[in-house]
Protein backbone atom coordinates (compact mmCIF):
# COMPACT_ATOMS: atom_id res chain seq x y z
CA MET A 1 89.85 12.50 -47.85
CA ALA A 2 92.90 13.41 -49.91
CA ASP A 3 94.15 15.69 -47.13
CA ASP A 4 93.69 12.89 -44.62
CA THR A 5 95.60 10.49 -46.85
CA ARG A 6 98.39 13.04 -47.33
CA GLY A 7 98.56 13.70 -43.64
CA ALA A 8 98.71 9.99 -42.87
CA SER A 9 101.47 9.45 -45.41
CA GLU A 10 103.48 12.39 -44.04
CA SER A 11 103.13 11.10 -40.51
CA ASN A 12 104.22 7.63 -41.62
CA GLY A 13 107.17 9.09 -43.50
CA SER A 14 108.34 11.11 -40.53
CA CYS A 15 108.24 8.05 -38.29
CA SER A 16 109.93 5.78 -40.82
CA SER A 17 113.27 7.58 -40.37
CA ALA A 18 113.45 6.53 -36.71
CA PRO A 19 113.52 2.89 -35.56
CA GLN A 20 110.14 1.50 -34.69
CA GLY A 21 109.37 1.65 -31.02
CA MET A 22 112.10 4.25 -30.40
CA PRO A 23 110.63 7.70 -29.74
CA ILE A 24 112.66 10.71 -30.83
CA ARG A 25 113.96 12.53 -27.77
CA ARG A 26 115.94 15.70 -27.89
CA GLY A 27 117.43 16.66 -24.56
CA TRP A 28 118.66 20.09 -23.67
CA LEU A 29 122.24 19.15 -24.49
CA GLN A 30 121.30 18.21 -28.04
CA ARG A 31 119.26 21.37 -28.45
CA LEU A 32 122.19 23.40 -27.17
CA ALA A 33 124.58 21.67 -29.58
CA ARG A 34 122.29 22.26 -32.60
CA SER A 35 120.94 25.68 -31.81
CA ASP A 36 122.10 28.74 -33.74
CA ARG A 37 121.09 31.29 -31.14
CA PRO A 38 123.79 33.64 -29.79
CA LEU A 39 123.57 32.25 -26.26
CA ALA A 40 124.02 28.68 -27.55
CA ARG A 41 126.99 29.67 -29.72
CA ARG A 42 128.62 31.42 -26.77
CA ALA A 43 128.08 28.37 -24.57
CA ARG A 44 129.72 26.14 -27.17
CA ARG A 45 132.73 28.47 -27.42
CA LEU A 46 133.13 28.42 -23.66
CA TYR A 47 132.88 24.62 -23.65
CA HIS A 48 135.69 24.25 -26.19
CA ALA A 49 137.79 27.00 -24.60
CA ARG A 50 138.24 24.94 -21.46
CA GLU A 51 140.78 22.77 -23.33
CA PHE A 52 143.13 25.76 -23.62
CA ILE A 53 142.97 26.91 -20.02
CA SER A 54 146.25 26.62 -18.11
CA LEU A 55 147.24 27.66 -14.61
CA PRO A 56 150.32 29.76 -13.82
CA VAL A 57 152.06 27.03 -11.84
CA PRO A 58 155.59 27.96 -10.69
CA ARG A 59 158.37 26.01 -12.33
CA TRP A 60 159.61 24.56 -9.05
CA VAL A 61 156.16 23.11 -8.39
CA GLY A 62 156.17 21.37 -11.76
CA ARG A 63 159.66 20.02 -11.17
CA THR A 64 158.63 18.73 -7.77
CA PHE A 65 155.62 16.91 -9.21
CA ARG A 66 157.79 15.48 -11.98
CA THR A 67 160.38 14.23 -9.50
CA LEU A 68 157.73 12.60 -7.34
CA LEU A 69 156.13 10.98 -10.37
CA VAL A 70 159.40 9.61 -11.75
CA ALA A 71 160.54 8.37 -8.35
CA GLY A 72 157.22 6.72 -7.55
CA ARG A 73 157.06 5.12 -10.97
CA ALA A 74 160.61 3.79 -10.66
CA VAL A 75 159.88 2.26 -7.25
CA TRP A 76 156.65 0.69 -8.50
CA HIS A 77 158.31 -0.75 -11.61
CA PHE A 78 161.19 -2.13 -9.55
CA LEU A 79 158.87 -3.87 -7.10
CA LYS A 80 156.67 -5.21 -9.87
CA ARG A 81 159.63 -6.54 -11.85
CA ALA A 82 161.61 -7.97 -8.93
CA LEU A 83 158.72 -9.46 -6.97
CA ILE A 84 156.24 -10.49 -9.65
CA CYS A 85 157.43 -10.57 -13.25
CA GLU A 86 160.92 -12.07 -12.94
CA PRO A 87 159.98 -14.79 -10.38
CA ILE A 88 157.05 -15.94 -12.54
CA PHE A 89 159.21 -16.06 -15.68
CA LYS A 90 161.97 -17.99 -13.93
CA ALA A 91 159.42 -20.43 -12.54
CA TYR A 92 158.47 -21.36 -16.11
CA CYS A 93 162.09 -22.05 -17.09
CA LYS A 94 163.46 -25.56 -16.97
CA GLN A 95 166.94 -24.07 -16.74
CA CYS A 96 167.60 -20.46 -15.83
CA GLY A 97 171.02 -18.86 -15.68
CA ARG A 98 172.34 -15.98 -13.63
CA ASP A 99 171.35 -12.34 -14.07
CA VAL A 100 168.18 -13.08 -16.02
CA HIS A 101 165.91 -10.05 -16.14
CA THR A 102 162.53 -9.13 -17.53
CA GLY A 103 160.52 -5.94 -17.90
CA VAL A 104 157.50 -4.85 -15.91
CA PHE A 105 155.05 -7.20 -17.66
CA VAL A 106 154.34 -10.88 -17.07
CA HIS A 107 155.24 -12.83 -20.21
CA TRP A 108 152.56 -14.97 -21.80
CA ILE A 109 153.71 -18.61 -21.73
CA GLN A 110 151.31 -21.34 -22.80
CA GLY A 111 151.60 -25.05 -23.46
CA ARG A 112 154.02 -27.58 -22.03
CA GLY A 113 157.61 -27.36 -23.07
CA ASP A 114 161.15 -26.67 -21.93
CA LEU A 115 162.25 -23.05 -21.74
CA ILE A 116 166.03 -22.95 -21.35
CA VAL A 117 167.56 -19.55 -20.61
CA GLY A 118 171.27 -18.82 -20.27
CA ASP A 119 173.16 -16.22 -18.25
CA ARG A 120 172.68 -12.46 -18.60
CA VAL A 121 169.52 -12.79 -20.68
CA TRP A 122 167.10 -9.88 -20.89
CA VAL A 123 163.52 -10.48 -22.05
CA ASP A 124 161.91 -7.06 -22.17
CA GLY A 125 158.28 -5.99 -22.39
CA LYS A 126 155.63 -8.64 -22.84
CA CYS A 127 156.58 -11.61 -25.04
CA THR A 128 154.72 -14.78 -25.99
CA PHE A 129 156.16 -18.29 -25.73
CA THR A 130 153.88 -20.99 -27.13
CA PHE A 131 154.64 -24.72 -27.05
CA GLY A 132 152.74 -27.05 -29.37
CA ALA A 133 151.52 -30.45 -28.24
CA ARG A 134 151.20 -32.38 -31.51
CA PHE A 135 154.76 -32.87 -32.64
CA ALA A 136 156.87 -33.43 -29.52
CA VAL A 137 156.31 -34.37 -25.92
CA ARG A 138 158.33 -31.40 -24.69
CA PRO A 139 159.15 -28.77 -27.33
CA VAL A 140 162.21 -26.66 -26.56
CA ILE A 141 162.92 -22.94 -26.75
CA GLU A 142 166.54 -22.21 -25.89
CA ILE A 143 168.02 -18.74 -25.42
CA GLY A 144 171.79 -18.39 -25.18
CA ASP A 145 173.93 -16.29 -22.88
CA GLY A 146 173.91 -12.52 -23.22
CA THR A 147 170.90 -12.39 -25.56
CA GLY A 148 168.38 -9.56 -25.45
CA ILE A 149 164.77 -9.90 -26.63
CA GLY A 150 162.57 -6.88 -27.23
CA HIS A 151 158.95 -6.23 -26.42
CA GLY A 152 156.22 -8.09 -28.27
CA CYS A 153 158.30 -10.98 -29.64
CA VAL A 154 156.48 -14.24 -30.35
CA PHE A 155 158.02 -17.72 -30.27
CA ILE A 156 155.97 -20.75 -31.38
CA ALA A 157 157.76 -24.08 -30.97
CA GLY A 158 156.44 -27.40 -32.20
CA ARG A 159 159.82 -29.08 -31.72
CA ARG A 160 162.73 -26.70 -31.17
CA ILE A 161 163.80 -23.07 -31.52
CA THR A 162 167.42 -22.28 -30.67
CA ILE A 163 168.77 -18.76 -30.21
CA GLY A 164 172.52 -18.41 -29.76
CA ARG A 165 174.66 -16.21 -27.58
CA ASN A 166 174.86 -12.42 -27.65
CA CYS A 167 171.95 -12.06 -30.05
CA MET A 168 169.68 -9.03 -30.30
CA LEU A 169 166.04 -9.48 -31.24
CA SER A 170 164.17 -6.22 -31.64
CA GLY A 171 160.50 -5.74 -30.85
CA GLU A 172 157.70 -7.79 -32.41
CA VAL A 173 159.90 -10.43 -34.00
CA VAL A 174 158.03 -13.68 -34.77
CA VAL A 175 159.88 -17.01 -34.81
CA PHE A 176 158.04 -20.28 -35.45
CA ASP A 177 159.05 -23.79 -36.49
CA SER A 178 155.59 -24.79 -37.73
CA SER A 179 152.69 -22.97 -39.29
CA GLY A 180 150.33 -24.99 -37.11
CA HIS A 181 147.92 -25.67 -39.99
CA VAL A 182 147.90 -27.45 -43.34
CA THR A 183 147.40 -25.72 -46.66
CA ASP A 184 144.60 -28.06 -47.74
CA PRO A 185 141.31 -26.35 -46.75
CA MET A 186 139.43 -29.64 -46.30
CA ALA A 187 142.16 -30.93 -43.99
CA ARG A 188 141.96 -27.70 -42.02
CA ARG A 189 138.25 -28.29 -41.54
CA ARG A 190 139.02 -31.70 -40.07
CA GLY A 191 141.62 -30.13 -37.77
CA ALA A 192 144.45 -32.15 -39.29
CA PRO A 193 147.94 -31.16 -38.12
CA PRO A 194 150.79 -30.36 -40.52
CA ALA A 195 152.95 -33.21 -41.76
CA ASP A 196 156.03 -34.06 -39.72
CA GLU A 197 158.36 -32.79 -42.43
CA GLU A 198 156.71 -29.34 -42.22
CA VAL A 199 157.81 -28.95 -38.60
CA ARG A 200 161.45 -27.90 -38.87
CA GLU A 201 163.82 -26.55 -36.27
CA VAL A 202 164.76 -22.88 -36.35
CA ARG A 203 168.35 -22.11 -35.41
CA ILE A 204 169.76 -18.63 -34.86
CA ASP A 205 173.52 -18.63 -34.32
CA ASP A 206 175.60 -16.36 -32.10
CA ASP A 207 175.90 -12.58 -32.55
CA VAL A 208 172.83 -12.24 -34.76
CA TRP A 209 170.86 -9.00 -34.91
CA ILE A 210 167.22 -9.25 -36.00
CA GLY A 211 165.40 -5.99 -36.63
CA MET A 212 161.90 -5.03 -35.62
CA ARG A 213 158.85 -6.92 -36.97
CA CYS A 214 160.78 -9.65 -38.77
CA MET A 215 159.37 -13.15 -39.33
CA ILE A 216 161.59 -16.22 -39.22
CA PHE A 217 159.92 -19.18 -40.92
CA PRO A 218 160.28 -22.90 -40.13
CA GLY A 219 163.56 -24.55 -41.02
CA VAL A 220 165.53 -21.32 -41.29
CA HIS A 221 169.14 -21.22 -40.12
CA VAL A 222 170.48 -17.72 -39.51
CA GLY A 223 174.27 -17.82 -39.63
CA ARG A 224 176.61 -16.30 -37.10
CA GLY A 225 177.00 -12.53 -37.13
CA ALA A 226 174.16 -12.02 -39.61
CA THR A 227 171.87 -8.98 -39.62
CA VAL A 228 168.21 -9.18 -40.58
CA SER A 229 166.81 -5.78 -41.48
CA ALA A 230 163.54 -4.59 -39.98
CA GLY A 231 160.38 -5.97 -41.51
CA SER A 232 162.11 -8.83 -43.36
CA ILE A 233 160.36 -12.11 -44.10
CA VAL A 234 163.02 -14.81 -43.81
CA ARG A 235 162.10 -18.04 -45.60
CA HIS A 236 165.57 -19.34 -46.49
CA HIS A 237 168.90 -19.76 -44.74
CA VAL A 238 170.94 -16.64 -44.02
CA PRO A 239 174.72 -16.95 -44.54
CA PRO A 240 177.08 -15.92 -41.76
CA TYR A 241 177.92 -12.21 -41.57
CA ALA A 242 175.33 -11.37 -44.23
CA VAL A 243 172.89 -8.47 -44.16
CA VAL A 244 169.49 -9.45 -45.54
CA ALA A 245 166.35 -7.41 -46.17
CA GLY A 246 163.02 -7.60 -47.96
CA ASN A 247 160.13 -9.96 -48.55
CA PRO A 248 161.39 -12.55 -49.13
CA ALA A 249 164.67 -11.61 -47.49
CA ARG A 250 167.71 -11.58 -49.76
CA VAL A 251 171.36 -10.85 -49.18
CA ILE A 252 172.17 -7.17 -49.62
CA PHE A 253 175.84 -7.30 -48.68
CA ARG A 254 178.22 -9.05 -46.34
CA VAL A 255 180.36 -7.74 -43.52
CA PRO A 256 183.85 -9.07 -42.85
CA PRO A 257 184.18 -11.48 -39.93
CA PRO A 258 186.02 -10.21 -36.86
CA GLY A 259 189.74 -10.02 -37.57
CA ALA A 260 189.35 -10.24 -41.34
CA GLU A 261 191.11 -7.59 -43.42
CA GLU A 262 189.11 -8.06 -46.62
CA PRO A 263 186.30 -5.57 -47.27
CA CYS A 264 182.76 -6.66 -47.98
CA ASP A 265 182.61 -8.90 -51.04
CA SER A 266 179.55 -7.16 -52.48
CA VAL A 267 178.08 -3.87 -51.41
CA ARG A 268 175.01 -2.37 -53.03
CA ARG A 269 172.89 0.61 -52.10
CA TRP A 270 169.48 -0.57 -50.96
CA TRP A 271 167.98 2.48 -49.26
């Protein structure tokens, strides 16, 4: 009786490790992967050795394949950009200047608003333009002449975002004039929108350079010729011709305006 009890407990213990109703099956691949026999070890070595096999292809053959690949890719990207991506982006614009170009992706534009784009604007990669519906009938995102916008930038406009002329926005920059939510958790549950005073226009003046992965918060005014270092969180106004960095962004030094003879008023090492 004791042996029967022990045997029953051992059988129950062996089955408890596997999910109920799921029989344990070991196929030949699993047995080959777990076996320590010489034939199994040799088979595993041959399986992994395939990753290091190369063919003695002549150099001219490789160059030919590379040329065909680059040429075919260039033609495909040109057709995709000229026939699909740029026409769709321009169709979203209320005003679109001359020589406006995009990359080979269709930008994500959602909501109803006015997208105003100047001359010689380049919107690269895949960017997001979102227009809110709670604070204005037609929110506005305006991009000035000669401005370039990198891949992955996000613009969220409840009322207005203005970007000046000859600006450079690196990849993954986020600009928004409203957080979209209130700080009170109970109000968020009710779906209450932010107060009107929390929706504030963002203005970026001419000749501004914003580095990669920066965030520009509501109400910020970035002065002309300013530089925002990569990864900065900008919550306050940026003076003209200032270089800011950090979280929150602070002025590191200033550069002289064009034509000025005075050196920078304050220069500190920050790297």
